[in-house]
Amino acid sequence: MNPSRPAPGPDAARAFRLGIFAGAIIGLVVAVVLYWYGTLTLFAFGYVLLLLYPVYLVLVATALSVWLGYDKDVTSLRPVYRTER
């Protein structure tokens, strides 16, 4: 049995964009506040922005895509055929 899942619509696309924007702003605010209160040194702040922040954004995008229905499962796969020339 193959369950039918409708494709995400324009509301899901807007929610994804808003979620990514909000997640980006929240991540930056947290990093700046931690630096402002002295929890992060300048070196640690640079490390957070250059190495950890992009990973955080990927995790936010992954969570949003699963929540909004953009994820693909095994039923979405199709066989690939190579044509002979």
Protein backbone atom coordinates (compact mmCIF):
# COMPACT_ATOMS: atom_id res chain seq x y z
CA MET A 1 0.00 0.00 0.00
CA ASN A 2 1.37 3.38 -1.00
CA PRO A 3 0.13 6.25 1.20
CA SER A 4 -0.52 9.46 -0.67
CA ARG A 5 1.09 12.62 0.69
CA PRO A 6 0.18 15.94 -0.84
CA ALA A 7 3.02 18.21 -1.91
CA PRO A 8 3.72 21.23 0.29
CA GLY A 9 2.05 24.35 -0.99
CA PRO A 10 2.91 28.05 -1.07
CA ASP A 11 2.06 28.45 2.61
CA ALA A 12 4.71 25.87 3.48
CA ALA A 13 7.24 27.75 1.33
CA ARG A 14 6.47 31.00 3.15
CA ALA A 15 6.66 29.25 6.52
CA PHE A 16 10.03 27.74 5.55
CA ARG A 17 11.43 31.13 4.55
CA LEU A 18 10.11 32.74 7.72
CA GLY A 19 11.49 29.89 9.84
CA ILE A 20 14.94 30.14 8.26
CA PHE A 21 14.96 33.91 8.73
CA ALA A 22 13.80 33.64 12.35
CA GLY A 23 16.30 30.86 13.07
CA ALA A 24 19.13 32.91 11.57
CA ILE A 25 18.23 35.99 13.61
CA ILE A 26 17.84 33.96 16.82
CA GLY A 27 21.20 32.27 16.27
CA LEU A 28 22.97 35.57 15.68
CA VAL A 29 21.30 37.21 18.69
CA VAL A 30 22.33 34.33 20.95
CA ALA A 31 25.94 34.50 19.74
CA VAL A 32 26.10 38.30 20.17
CA VAL A 33 24.51 38.16 23.64
CA LEU A 34 26.98 35.48 24.74
CA TYR A 35 29.84 37.62 23.47
CA TRP A 36 28.38 40.77 25.05
CA TYR A 37 28.16 39.18 28.50
CA GLY A 38 31.69 37.81 28.22
CA THR A 39 30.78 34.13 27.96
CA LEU A 40 32.54 33.95 24.58
CA THR A 41 35.96 35.36 23.88
CA LEU A 42 36.62 37.05 20.54
CA PHE A 43 38.26 33.86 19.24
CA ALA A 44 35.32 31.72 20.40
CA PHE A 45 32.85 34.19 18.90
CA GLY A 46 34.64 33.95 15.54
CA TYR A 47 34.66 30.16 15.80
CA VAL A 48 30.92 30.13 16.51
CA LEU A 49 30.15 32.43 13.58
CA LEU A 50 32.44 30.79 11.03
CA LEU A 51 32.11 27.10 11.89
CA LEU A 52 29.12 26.43 14.14
CA TYR A 53 26.60 28.93 12.75
CA PRO A 54 26.39 27.33 9.26
CA VAL A 55 25.89 23.89 10.85
CA TYR A 56 23.16 25.37 13.04
CA LEU A 57 21.42 26.80 9.95
CA VAL A 58 21.55 23.40 8.22
CA LEU A 59 19.97 21.80 11.29
CA VAL A 60 17.25 24.47 11.34
CA ALA A 61 16.56 23.90 7.64
CA THR A 62 16.42 20.14 8.17
CA ALA A 63 14.00 20.43 11.07
CA LEU A 64 11.78 22.84 9.14
CA SER A 65 11.76 20.68 6.00
CA VAL A 66 10.69 17.61 7.96
CA TRP A 67 8.06 19.56 9.89
CA LEU A 68 6.61 21.20 6.77
CA GLY A 69 6.57 18.04 4.65
CA TYR A 70 9.48 18.67 2.29
CA ASP A 71 11.27 15.48 3.33
CA LYS A 72 11.36 12.54 0.95
CA ASP A 73 11.04 8.91 1.92
CA VAL A 74 11.55 5.59 0.20
CA THR A 75 8.27 5.86 -1.69
CA SER A 76 9.61 8.95 -3.49
CA LEU A 77 12.46 7.03 -5.12
CA ARG A 78 12.25 5.95 -8.74
CA PRO A 79 14.59 3.62 -10.60
CA VAL A 80 17.22 5.25 -12.79
CA TYR A 81 17.94 3.76 -16.18
CA ARG A 82 20.99 4.48 -18.27
CA THR A 83 20.33 4.66 -21.99
CA GLU A 84 22.71 2.83 -24.31
CA ARG A 85 24.26 4.94 -27.06
